[in-house]
Amino acid sequence: MPDPKDSTAVQSMEREQAAQRERASKGGLDNALADTFPASDPVPHLTEAE
């Protein structure tokens, strides 16, 4: 029986999910940066546990 991970649909879904995680992480940093202005405090780099 073929491995389900070899399916092009599964591979496409995994690529899309990775892209969504990347966009979400960049958006979080952008929001954190915007929240610090005009203060001179450094931007906190927070990561969410999965």
Protein backbone atom coordinates (compact mmCIF):
# COMPACT_ATOMS: atom_id res chain seq x y z
CA MET A 1 0.00 0.00 0.00
CA PRO A 2 1.44 3.42 -0.92
CA ASP A 3 2.53 5.81 1.80
CA PRO A 4 -0.09 8.60 2.24
CA LYS A 5 2.72 11.16 2.64
CA ASP A 6 3.70 10.51 -0.99
CA SER A 7 0.33 11.87 -2.15
CA THR A 8 0.57 15.16 -4.05
CA ALA A 9 -2.48 16.40 -2.11
CA VAL A 10 -0.78 15.74 1.22
CA GLN A 11 2.43 17.39 0.04
CA SER A 12 0.49 20.43 -1.17
CA MET A 13 -1.34 20.70 2.14
CA GLU A 14 1.93 20.47 4.09
CA ARG A 15 3.48 23.23 1.94
CA GLU A 16 0.43 25.46 2.48
CA GLN A 17 0.48 24.86 6.24
CA ALA A 18 4.20 25.72 6.38
CA ALA A 19 3.53 28.94 4.43
CA GLN A 20 0.69 29.85 6.81
CA ARG A 21 2.92 29.29 9.85
CA GLU A 22 5.61 31.48 8.25
CA ARG A 23 3.12 34.28 7.53
CA ALA A 24 1.71 34.05 11.06
CA SER A 25 5.15 34.26 12.66
CA LYS A 26 6.11 37.28 10.55
CA GLY A 27 2.80 38.97 11.30
CA GLY A 28 3.34 38.52 15.03
CA LEU A 29 6.73 40.18 14.86
CA ASP A 30 5.33 43.04 12.77
CA ASN A 31 2.57 43.60 15.34
CA ALA A 32 5.03 43.50 18.23
CA LEU A 33 7.23 46.02 16.44
CA ALA A 34 4.29 48.36 15.76
CA ASP A 35 3.23 48.17 19.41
CA THR A 36 6.63 49.45 20.59
CA PHE A 37 6.62 52.72 18.68
CA PRO A 38 7.37 55.47 19.51
CA ALA A 39 9.02 53.97 22.60
CA SER A 40 12.66 53.00 22.49
CA ASP A 41 12.16 49.59 24.10
CA PRO A 42 13.48 46.61 22.12
CA VAL A 43 10.98 44.35 20.41
CA PRO A 44 10.33 41.18 22.42
CA HIS A 45 10.69 38.05 20.33
CA LEU A 46 8.00 35.64 21.51
CA THR A 47 7.31 32.25 20.05
CA GLU A 48 4.17 30.25 20.57
CA ALA A 49 4.41 26.64 21.57
CA GLU A 50 2.81 24.25 19.12
